[in-house]
Amino acid sequence: LLAGKAGATYVSPFLGRLEDIGENSLNMLKEIVAIFDRYNFPTNVLAASIRSTRQVEEVAIAGADVATIPPEVLEKLYKHPLTDKGLEQFLADYQKSGMEPLINNIL
């Protein structure tokens, strides 16, 4: 509330660190977002110290404007072993079909 009233551009709760000391960081984030929405503060909420892909989803649902995400978590958001396996199988099946590639050099 004070950061919003002071005109802060961002507030940055460090969720992982809060969890380390036993705080429910997601509830805290939701409360911050609710306060800023309630009073129409332009302050952005930057969710920091993200530690898992699930946490990325949770902070997005909770209304965080920005998140700092470590590279290993970011990679897990777009790279998944089942997706890779499915893509390999799709490309193999497509190649067996004898159809022309839709995009040059797709195969």
N, C-alpha and C. Protein backbone atom coordinates (compact mmCIF):
# COMPACT_ATOMS: atom_id res chain seq x y z
N LEU A 1 0.83 -1.19 0.00
CA LEU A 1 0.00 0.00 0.00
C LEU A 1 0.87 1.25 0.00
N LEU A 2 1.89 1.26 0.84
CA LEU A 2 2.76 2.43 0.93
C LEU A 2 3.53 2.65 -0.37
N ALA A 3 4.00 1.56 -0.99
CA ALA A 3 4.74 1.69 -2.25
C ALA A 3 3.84 2.29 -3.33
N GLY A 4 2.60 1.84 -3.40
CA GLY A 4 1.66 2.38 -4.37
C GLY A 4 1.37 3.84 -4.11
N LYS A 5 1.14 4.20 -2.86
CA LYS A 5 0.87 5.60 -2.51
C LYS A 5 2.08 6.49 -2.79
N ALA A 6 3.27 5.92 -2.66
CA ALA A 6 4.49 6.69 -2.90
C ALA A 6 4.79 6.83 -4.39
N GLY A 7 4.01 6.14 -5.24
CA GLY A 7 4.20 6.25 -6.68
C GLY A 7 5.28 5.33 -7.23
N ALA A 8 5.58 4.24 -6.52
CA ALA A 8 6.60 3.30 -6.99
C ALA A 8 6.20 2.74 -8.35
N THR A 9 7.17 2.57 -9.21
CA THR A 9 6.92 1.96 -10.51
C THR A 9 6.74 0.46 -10.35
N TYR A 10 7.52 -0.17 -9.49
CA TYR A 10 7.45 -1.60 -9.24
C TYR A 10 7.53 -1.90 -7.75
N VAL A 11 6.89 -2.99 -7.35
CA VAL A 11 7.18 -3.64 -6.08
C VAL A 11 7.59 -5.06 -6.44
N SER A 12 8.49 -5.61 -5.66
CA SER A 12 9.07 -6.89 -6.04
C SER A 12 9.14 -7.85 -4.86
N PRO A 13 8.04 -8.56 -4.59
CA PRO A 13 8.13 -9.59 -3.55
C PRO A 13 8.98 -10.76 -4.03
N PHE A 14 9.92 -11.18 -3.22
CA PHE A 14 10.81 -12.30 -3.55
C PHE A 14 10.15 -13.57 -3.03
N LEU A 15 9.38 -14.22 -3.89
CA LEU A 15 8.53 -15.33 -3.48
C LEU A 15 9.30 -16.51 -2.94
N GLY A 16 10.34 -16.93 -3.61
CA GLY A 16 11.12 -18.07 -3.14
C GLY A 16 11.71 -17.81 -1.77
N ARG A 17 12.22 -16.63 -1.58
CA ARG A 17 12.82 -16.29 -0.28
C ARG A 17 11.76 -16.24 0.82
N LEU A 18 10.57 -15.74 0.48
CA LEU A 18 9.48 -15.72 1.46
C LEU A 18 9.08 -17.15 1.83
N GLU A 19 9.02 -18.03 0.83
CA GLU A 19 8.69 -19.43 1.09
C GLU A 19 9.75 -20.07 1.99
N ASP A 20 11.01 -19.68 1.80
CA ASP A 20 12.09 -20.22 2.61
C ASP A 20 11.91 -19.95 4.09
N ILE A 21 11.24 -18.86 4.43
CA ILE A 21 11.03 -18.53 5.85
C ILE A 21 9.61 -18.86 6.31
N GLY A 22 8.90 -19.66 5.49
CA GLY A 22 7.60 -20.16 5.90
C GLY A 22 6.41 -19.30 5.54
N GLU A 23 6.61 -18.25 4.77
CA GLU A 23 5.50 -17.39 4.36
C GLU A 23 4.75 -18.00 3.18
N ASN A 24 3.47 -17.74 3.10
CA ASN A 24 2.69 -18.13 1.93
C ASN A 24 2.82 -17.00 0.91
N SER A 25 3.81 -17.12 0.06
CA SER A 25 4.14 -16.02 -0.84
C SER A 25 3.07 -15.77 -1.89
N LEU A 26 2.37 -16.81 -2.32
CA LEU A 26 1.32 -16.63 -3.32
C LEU A 26 0.17 -15.81 -2.75
N ASN A 27 -0.22 -16.09 -1.52
CA ASN A 27 -1.27 -15.29 -0.89
C ASN A 27 -0.84 -13.83 -0.76
N MET A 28 0.43 -13.62 -0.39
CA MET A 28 0.93 -12.26 -0.27
C MET A 28 0.88 -11.55 -1.61
N LEU A 29 1.28 -12.25 -2.67
CA LEU A 29 1.25 -11.66 -4.00
C LEU A 29 -0.19 -11.29 -4.39
N LYS A 30 -1.13 -12.19 -4.14
CA LYS A 30 -2.53 -11.92 -4.44
C LYS A 30 -3.04 -10.69 -3.69
N GLU A 31 -2.63 -10.54 -2.44
CA GLU A 31 -3.03 -9.39 -1.63
C GLU A 31 -2.46 -8.09 -2.20
N ILE A 32 -1.21 -8.13 -2.62
CA ILE A 32 -0.58 -6.94 -3.21
C ILE A 32 -1.32 -6.54 -4.48
N VAL A 33 -1.58 -7.51 -5.35
CA VAL A 33 -2.30 -7.23 -6.60
C VAL A 33 -3.68 -6.66 -6.29
N ALA A 34 -4.38 -7.24 -5.33
CA ALA A 34 -5.73 -6.77 -4.96
C ALA A 34 -5.70 -5.34 -4.45
N ILE A 35 -4.73 -5.01 -3.64
CA ILE A 35 -4.61 -3.64 -3.11
C ILE A 35 -4.35 -2.66 -4.24
N PHE A 36 -3.42 -2.98 -5.12
CA PHE A 36 -3.09 -2.07 -6.22
C PHE A 36 -4.27 -1.90 -7.16
N ASP A 37 -5.00 -3.00 -7.40
CA ASP A 37 -6.20 -2.92 -8.25
C ASP A 37 -7.29 -2.08 -7.57
N ARG A 38 -7.47 -2.31 -6.29
CA ARG A 38 -8.52 -1.62 -5.53
C ARG A 38 -8.34 -0.11 -5.57
N TYR A 39 -7.10 0.34 -5.44
CA TYR A 39 -6.82 1.78 -5.38
C TYR A 39 -6.31 2.34 -6.71
N ASN A 40 -6.36 1.52 -7.75
CA ASN A 40 -5.94 1.94 -9.09
C ASN A 40 -4.53 2.52 -9.14
N PHE A 41 -3.63 1.91 -8.37
CA PHE A 41 -2.24 2.34 -8.43
C PHE A 41 -1.62 1.84 -9.73
N PRO A 42 -0.80 2.64 -10.37
CA PRO A 42 -0.14 2.18 -11.59
C PRO A 42 1.08 1.30 -11.30
N THR A 43 1.39 1.08 -10.05
CA THR A 43 2.55 0.29 -9.65
C THR A 43 2.44 -1.14 -10.19
N ASN A 44 3.52 -1.61 -10.80
CA ASN A 44 3.57 -2.98 -11.32
C ASN A 44 4.10 -3.93 -10.26
N VAL A 45 3.61 -5.16 -10.30
CA VAL A 45 4.07 -6.19 -9.38
C VAL A 45 5.04 -7.10 -10.12
N LEU A 46 6.27 -7.14 -9.64
CA LEU A 46 7.32 -7.97 -10.22
C LEU A 46 7.55 -9.15 -9.28
N ALA A 47 7.10 -10.32 -9.69
CA ALA A 47 7.29 -11.52 -8.88
C ALA A 47 8.73 -12.01 -9.07
N ALA A 48 9.49 -12.00 -7.99
CA ALA A 48 10.91 -12.37 -8.07
C ALA A 48 11.15 -13.68 -7.33
N SER A 49 12.33 -14.23 -7.56
CA SER A 49 12.77 -15.46 -6.92
C SER A 49 11.83 -16.62 -7.22
N ILE A 50 11.46 -16.72 -8.49
CA ILE A 50 10.61 -17.81 -8.96
C ILE A 50 11.45 -19.09 -9.01
N ARG A 51 10.88 -20.19 -8.57
CA ARG A 51 11.67 -21.42 -8.49
C ARG A 51 11.12 -22.60 -9.27
N SER A 52 9.93 -22.46 -9.87
CA SER A 52 9.36 -23.60 -10.60
C SER A 52 8.42 -23.12 -11.70
N THR A 53 8.15 -24.02 -12.64
CA THR A 53 7.20 -23.67 -13.70
C THR A 53 5.81 -23.48 -13.12
N ARG A 54 5.47 -24.25 -12.13
CA ARG A 54 4.15 -24.10 -11.50
C ARG A 54 4.03 -22.71 -10.87
N GLN A 55 5.09 -22.24 -10.26
CA GLN A 55 5.07 -20.91 -9.65
C GLN A 55 4.89 -19.83 -10.71
N VAL A 56 5.47 -20.02 -11.89
CA VAL A 56 5.26 -19.07 -12.99
C VAL A 56 3.78 -19.00 -13.32
N GLU A 57 3.13 -20.15 -13.43
CA GLU A 57 1.71 -20.19 -13.73
C GLU A 57 0.90 -19.50 -12.63
N GLU A 58 1.24 -19.80 -11.39
CA GLU A 58 0.49 -19.24 -10.26
C GLU A 58 0.59 -17.72 -10.19
N VAL A 59 1.78 -17.18 -10.41
CA VAL A 59 1.93 -15.72 -10.33
C VAL A 59 1.24 -15.03 -11.50
N ALA A 60 1.22 -15.69 -12.66
CA ALA A 60 0.50 -15.13 -13.80
C ALA A 60 -1.00 -15.09 -13.51
N ILE A 61 -1.54 -16.17 -12.97
CA ILE A 61 -2.95 -16.23 -12.61
C ILE A 61 -3.27 -15.20 -11.53
N ALA A 62 -2.36 -15.03 -10.59
CA ALA A 62 -2.57 -14.08 -9.48
C ALA A 62 -2.51 -12.63 -9.92
N GLY A 63 -1.96 -12.37 -11.13
CA GLY A 63 -1.96 -11.00 -11.64
C GLY A 63 -0.64 -10.27 -11.61
N ALA A 64 0.46 -10.99 -11.41
CA ALA A 64 1.77 -10.33 -11.46
C ALA A 64 1.98 -9.77 -12.86
N ASP A 65 2.55 -8.58 -12.93
CA ASP A 65 2.80 -7.93 -14.22
C ASP A 65 4.08 -8.44 -14.88
N VAL A 66 5.06 -8.78 -14.05
CA VAL A 66 6.38 -9.18 -14.53
C VAL A 66 6.90 -10.25 -13.58
N ALA A 67 7.77 -11.12 -14.09
CA ALA A 67 8.42 -12.11 -13.22
C ALA A 67 9.87 -12.26 -13.64
N THR A 68 10.73 -12.41 -12.67
CA THR A 68 12.12 -12.77 -12.96
C THR A 68 12.19 -14.28 -12.82
N ILE A 69 12.63 -14.93 -13.90
CA ILE A 69 12.61 -16.38 -13.96
C ILE A 69 14.01 -16.87 -14.29
N PRO A 70 14.56 -17.78 -13.49
CA PRO A 70 15.89 -18.31 -13.78
C PRO A 70 15.89 -19.08 -15.11
N PRO A 71 17.01 -19.09 -15.80
CA PRO A 71 17.08 -19.75 -17.11
C PRO A 71 16.60 -21.21 -17.10
N GLU A 72 16.93 -21.97 -16.06
CA GLU A 72 16.53 -23.38 -16.05
C GLU A 72 15.01 -23.53 -15.94
N VAL A 73 14.34 -22.62 -15.25
CA VAL A 73 12.88 -22.67 -15.16
C VAL A 73 12.27 -22.19 -16.48
N LEU A 74 12.83 -21.16 -17.06
CA LEU A 74 12.35 -20.65 -18.34
C LEU A 74 12.43 -21.74 -19.41
N GLU A 75 13.53 -22.47 -19.44
CA GLU A 75 13.69 -23.54 -20.43
C GLU A 75 12.62 -24.61 -20.25
N LYS A 76 12.29 -24.94 -19.00
CA LYS A 76 11.26 -25.95 -18.74
C LYS A 76 9.87 -25.50 -19.21
N LEU A 77 9.67 -24.20 -19.33
CA LEU A 77 8.37 -23.70 -19.79
C LEU A 77 8.12 -24.03 -21.26
N TYR A 78 9.17 -24.08 -22.05
CA TYR A 78 8.97 -24.32 -23.47
C TYR A 78 9.56 -25.65 -23.95
N LYS A 79 10.36 -26.28 -23.14
CA LYS A 79 11.00 -27.53 -23.56
C LYS A 79 10.56 -28.64 -22.61
N HIS A 80 9.88 -29.63 -23.17
CA HIS A 80 9.40 -30.73 -22.36
C HIS A 80 9.71 -32.03 -23.09
N PRO A 81 10.16 -33.07 -22.40
CA PRO A 81 10.54 -34.31 -23.07
C PRO A 81 9.40 -34.94 -23.88
N LEU A 82 8.18 -34.85 -23.40
CA LEU A 82 7.05 -35.42 -24.14
C LEU A 82 6.74 -34.61 -25.40
N THR A 83 6.93 -33.29 -25.33
CA THR A 83 6.75 -32.47 -26.52
C THR A 83 7.82 -32.82 -27.54
N ASP A 84 9.06 -32.93 -27.09
CA ASP A 84 10.16 -33.28 -28.00
C ASP A 84 9.90 -34.64 -28.65
N LYS A 85 9.47 -35.63 -27.87
CA LYS A 85 9.20 -36.96 -28.40
C LYS A 85 8.04 -36.91 -29.40
N GLY A 86 6.99 -36.18 -29.06
CA GLY A 86 5.84 -36.05 -29.95
C GLY A 86 6.21 -35.38 -31.26
N LEU A 87 7.05 -34.35 -31.20
CA LEU A 87 7.48 -33.65 -32.41
C LEU A 87 8.33 -34.58 -33.28
N GLU A 88 9.23 -35.32 -32.66
CA GLU A 88 10.05 -36.27 -33.42
C GLU A 88 9.16 -37.29 -34.14
N GLN A 89 8.16 -37.81 -33.44
CA GLN A 89 7.27 -38.81 -34.04
C GLN A 89 6.44 -38.19 -35.17
N PHE A 90 5.96 -36.97 -34.95
CA PHE A 90 5.18 -36.28 -35.99
C PHE A 90 6.02 -36.09 -37.24
N LEU A 91 7.25 -35.60 -37.08
CA LEU A 91 8.11 -35.37 -38.23
C LEU A 91 8.46 -36.67 -38.95
N ALA A 92 8.68 -37.74 -38.18
CA ALA A 92 8.98 -39.05 -38.79
C ALA A 92 7.77 -39.53 -39.60
N ASP A 93 6.58 -39.42 -39.02
CA ASP A 93 5.36 -39.84 -39.72
C ASP A 93 5.12 -38.99 -40.96
N TYR A 94 5.35 -37.70 -40.84
CA TYR A 94 5.16 -36.80 -41.98
C TYR A 94 6.12 -37.17 -43.12
N GLN A 95 7.34 -37.44 -42.75
CA GLN A 95 8.34 -37.80 -43.77
C GLN A 95 7.94 -39.11 -44.46
N LYS A 96 7.41 -40.07 -43.71
CA LYS A 96 6.97 -41.35 -44.28
C LYS A 96 5.78 -41.15 -45.22
N SER A 97 5.00 -40.09 -45.01
CA SER A 97 3.80 -39.88 -45.82
C SER A 97 4.14 -39.53 -47.27
N GLY A 98 5.34 -39.05 -47.51
CA GLY A 98 5.75 -38.68 -48.86
C GLY A 98 5.23 -37.32 -49.31
N MET A 99 4.54 -36.63 -48.44
CA MET A 99 4.03 -35.30 -48.79
C MET A 99 5.18 -34.30 -48.84
N GLU A 100 5.01 -33.28 -49.67
CA GLU A 100 6.00 -32.22 -49.77
C GLU A 100 5.98 -31.40 -48.48
N PRO A 101 7.14 -30.95 -48.02
CA PRO A 101 7.15 -30.07 -46.84
C PRO A 101 6.37 -28.80 -47.10
N LEU A 102 5.62 -28.37 -46.10
CA LEU A 102 4.83 -27.16 -46.21
C LEU A 102 5.73 -25.92 -46.19
N ILE A 103 6.82 -26.02 -45.49
CA ILE A 103 7.78 -24.93 -45.38
C ILE A 103 9.12 -25.48 -45.85
N ASN A 104 9.82 -24.74 -46.64
CA ASN A 104 11.13 -25.20 -47.10
C ASN A 104 12.01 -25.58 -45.92
N ASN A 105 12.68 -26.69 -46.05
CA ASN A 105 13.64 -27.17 -45.05
C ASN A 105 13.02 -27.53 -43.72
N ILE A 106 11.72 -27.87 -43.70
CA ILE A 106 11.12 -28.28 -42.42
C ILE A 106 11.66 -29.64 -42.00
N LEU A 107 11.99 -30.46 -42.97
CA LEU A 107 12.50 -31.80 -42.62
C LEU A 107 13.96 -31.91 -43.02
